[in-house]
Amino acid sequence: MKIVFKSMVLLFSLLLVSCGGKEEKKKEGFSVKRQKTTEKVVETPAVSETKASERVDLSNKGVGPVTSVALNEAIDDAMAASGKEVFDQMCMACHRVGKKFIGPAPNGILERRTPEWVMNMILNPDQMVKEDLLAKDLLIEFNGSPMANQGLTEEQARAVLEYFRTL
């Protein structure tokens, strides 16, 4: 019995000695070892330094069903009120008056775009993003968030355009 006890104590001591003694130091923070690449990155020059949302293009009518829009000198208040209702219901999820949100702010839009372009963007955003350079640039500027086709009629789009004139 003494031999078994002594053997157990000796075995246990050897286990303790073999497991201890080596100390691992933990490093603070996070580090990643990377190898430098030998490829040269070629930067393409920017087409324009101006953001697409700030760029002025009063000649582009866009792609879609609207080819001509006649704006009266005076704003039609009833149509603008109707347009505000449509905007508040269908567009406020992505557009805010006076500030950039998911999409660009609508105020001052007619100082930068033609009425036809605005209406075509409202009525036909999918095709505009595919075929219109300015719409493509806006898509890039707003992190690839495409404008949803809300299924508005031409009359509703015209009312929204009239509302934009009041902003």
Protein backbone atom coordinates (compact mmCIF):
# COMPACT_ATOMS: atom_id res chain seq x y z
CA MET A 1 0.00 0.00 0.00
CA LYS A 2 2.89 2.34 0.75
CA ILE A 3 4.39 1.62 -2.64
CA VAL A 4 1.12 2.37 -4.42
CA PHE A 5 0.75 5.63 -2.51
CA LYS A 6 4.34 6.69 -3.22
CA SER A 7 3.89 5.78 -6.89
CA MET A 8 0.75 7.88 -7.11
CA VAL A 9 2.44 10.89 -5.45
CA LEU A 10 5.42 10.54 -7.81
CA LEU A 11 3.18 10.27 -10.88
CA PHE A 12 1.12 13.25 -9.79
CA SER A 13 4.28 15.32 -9.17
CA LEU A 14 5.61 14.46 -12.63
CA LEU A 15 2.32 15.56 -14.18
CA LEU A 16 2.46 18.89 -12.38
CA VAL A 17 6.05 19.54 -13.40
CA SER A 18 5.48 18.60 -17.03
CA CYS A 19 2.37 20.85 -17.38
CA GLY A 20 3.72 23.92 -15.63
CA GLY A 21 6.66 26.16 -16.17
CA LYS A 22 5.89 27.43 -19.67
CA GLU A 23 4.24 30.80 -19.56
CA GLU A 24 2.32 32.25 -22.52
CA LYS A 25 2.09 35.99 -22.69
CA LYS A 26 -1.08 37.46 -24.10
CA LYS A 27 -0.63 40.32 -26.52
CA GLU A 28 -2.82 43.37 -26.20
CA GLY A 29 -4.82 44.46 -29.23
CA PHE A 30 -5.25 42.96 -32.64
CA SER A 31 -2.70 42.50 -35.36
CA VAL A 32 -2.66 41.00 -38.81
CA LYS A 33 0.45 40.05 -40.70
CA ARG A 34 0.10 40.80 -44.40
CA GLN A 35 2.44 40.47 -47.28
CA LYS A 36 2.91 43.41 -49.58
CA THR A 37 1.52 42.97 -53.05
CA THR A 38 3.71 43.52 -56.05
CA GLU A 39 0.84 44.50 -58.34
CA LYS A 40 0.49 48.14 -59.25
CA VAL A 41 -2.95 49.64 -58.80
CA VAL A 42 -3.96 51.83 -61.70
CA GLU A 43 -6.38 54.56 -60.72
CA THR A 44 -8.82 55.72 -63.32
CA PRO A 45 -9.35 59.46 -63.42
CA ALA A 46 -12.70 60.63 -62.13
CA VAL A 47 -15.16 61.75 -64.79
CA SER A 48 -16.22 64.70 -62.70
CA GLU A 49 -15.27 66.01 -59.30
CA THR A 50 -18.84 67.21 -58.72
CA LYS A 51 -21.21 64.77 -57.06
CA ALA A 52 -23.97 63.51 -59.33
CA SER A 53 -26.61 64.94 -57.00
CA GLU A 54 -25.04 68.41 -57.33
CA ARG A 55 -24.25 68.23 -61.05
CA VAL A 56 -26.33 70.52 -63.28
CA ASP A 57 -27.63 69.01 -66.53
CA LEU A 58 -30.47 70.97 -68.09
CA SER A 59 -30.27 69.29 -71.51
CA ASN A 60 -30.85 65.62 -70.60
CA LYS A 61 -34.50 64.54 -70.81
CA GLY A 62 -33.81 61.01 -69.59
CA VAL A 63 -35.19 57.71 -70.85
CA GLY A 64 -38.90 57.01 -70.64
CA PRO A 65 -42.35 57.98 -71.76
CA VAL A 66 -42.08 61.72 -71.03
CA THR A 67 -40.56 63.71 -73.89
CA SER A 68 -42.03 67.14 -73.20
CA VAL A 69 -43.43 68.92 -70.14
CA ALA A 70 -44.93 72.38 -70.27
CA LEU A 71 -44.61 74.27 -67.00
CA ASN A 72 -46.81 77.31 -66.45
CA GLU A 73 -45.28 80.46 -65.02
CA ALA A 74 -47.56 80.25 -61.97
CA ILE A 75 -47.56 77.22 -59.71
CA ASP A 76 -50.83 75.28 -59.61
CA ASP A 77 -51.46 75.13 -55.84
CA ALA A 78 -54.07 72.36 -56.06
CA MET A 79 -51.75 70.18 -58.15
CA ALA A 80 -48.82 70.92 -55.81
CA ALA A 81 -50.94 69.92 -52.78
CA SER A 82 -51.87 66.69 -54.53
CA GLY A 83 -48.19 66.14 -55.34
CA LYS A 84 -47.23 66.70 -51.71
CA GLU A 85 -49.71 64.01 -50.66
CA VAL A 86 -48.26 61.56 -53.20
CA PHE A 87 -44.70 62.46 -52.17
CA ASP A 88 -45.47 62.05 -48.46
CA GLN A 89 -47.11 58.68 -49.06
CA MET A 90 -44.80 57.15 -51.68
CA CYS A 91 -41.43 58.92 -51.53
CA MET A 92 -40.72 59.88 -47.91
CA ALA A 93 -39.28 56.45 -47.15
CA CYS A 94 -36.16 57.40 -49.13
CA HIS A 95 -36.25 61.17 -49.77
CA ARG A 96 -36.26 64.04 -47.25
CA VAL A 97 -36.79 67.69 -48.11
CA GLY A 98 -33.65 69.67 -47.36
CA LYS A 99 -31.30 66.79 -46.64
CA LYS A 100 -29.69 63.74 -48.16
CA PHE A 101 -31.22 60.51 -46.95
CA ILE A 102 -31.31 57.17 -48.78
CA GLY A 103 -31.92 59.19 -51.94
CA PRO A 104 -31.19 62.81 -52.84
CA ALA A 105 -33.15 65.76 -51.48
CA PRO A 106 -35.82 66.96 -53.94
CA ASN A 107 -35.55 70.67 -53.22
CA GLY A 108 -33.89 72.64 -56.02
CA ILE A 109 -34.10 69.65 -58.37
CA LEU A 110 -35.50 71.74 -61.23
CA GLU A 111 -32.44 73.98 -61.06
CA ARG A 112 -30.27 70.93 -61.84
CA ARG A 113 -32.52 68.68 -64.01
CA THR A 114 -35.09 69.09 -66.74
CA PRO A 115 -38.74 68.45 -65.83
CA GLU A 116 -38.77 65.56 -68.34
CA TRP A 117 -35.77 63.92 -66.64
CA VAL A 118 -37.43 64.20 -63.21
CA MET A 119 -40.69 62.71 -64.45
CA ASN A 120 -38.90 59.90 -66.33
CA MET A 121 -36.93 59.09 -63.17
CA ILE A 122 -40.17 58.92 -61.18
CA LEU A 123 -42.03 56.85 -63.79
CA ASN A 124 -39.22 54.71 -65.19
CA PRO A 125 -36.36 54.37 -62.63
CA ASP A 126 -35.28 50.87 -63.72
CA GLN A 127 -34.61 51.82 -67.33
CA MET A 128 -33.13 55.19 -66.32
CA VAL A 129 -30.52 53.48 -64.14
CA LYS A 130 -29.64 51.12 -66.99
CA GLU A 131 -29.45 53.69 -69.80
CA ASP A 132 -28.99 57.20 -68.38
CA LEU A 133 -25.45 58.16 -67.34
CA LEU A 134 -26.58 60.66 -64.72
CA ALA A 135 -28.96 58.12 -63.14
CA LYS A 136 -26.10 55.59 -63.06
CA ASP A 137 -23.87 58.12 -61.29
CA LEU A 138 -26.63 58.83 -58.76
CA LEU A 139 -26.95 55.10 -58.08
CA ILE A 140 -23.22 54.95 -57.32
CA GLU A 141 -23.32 58.09 -55.16
CA PHE A 142 -26.20 56.73 -53.08
CA ASN A 143 -24.47 53.41 -52.31
CA GLY A 144 -26.20 51.33 -54.96
CA SER A 145 -29.68 51.96 -53.58
CA PRO A 146 -31.86 51.99 -56.68
CA MET A 147 -34.99 54.10 -56.80
CA ALA A 148 -38.04 51.88 -56.48
CA ASN A 149 -40.70 52.02 -59.16
CA GLN A 150 -43.76 53.14 -57.18
CA GLY A 151 -46.13 52.57 -60.09
CA LEU A 152 -47.26 56.20 -60.25
CA THR A 153 -49.35 57.47 -63.12
CA GLU A 154 -48.14 60.31 -65.33
CA GLU A 155 -50.66 62.61 -63.62
CA GLN A 156 -49.30 61.71 -60.17
CA ALA A 157 -45.72 62.22 -61.36
CA ARG A 158 -46.69 65.60 -62.81
CA ALA A 159 -48.29 66.55 -59.47
CA VAL A 160 -45.10 65.55 -57.62
CA LEU A 161 -43.11 67.66 -60.09
CA GLU A 162 -45.41 70.63 -59.35
CA TYR A 163 -44.82 70.05 -55.61
CA PHE A 164 -41.04 70.10 -56.25
CA ARG A 165 -41.48 73.56 -57.78
CA THR A 166 -42.72 74.81 -54.38
CA LEU A 167 -39.68 73.62 -52.46
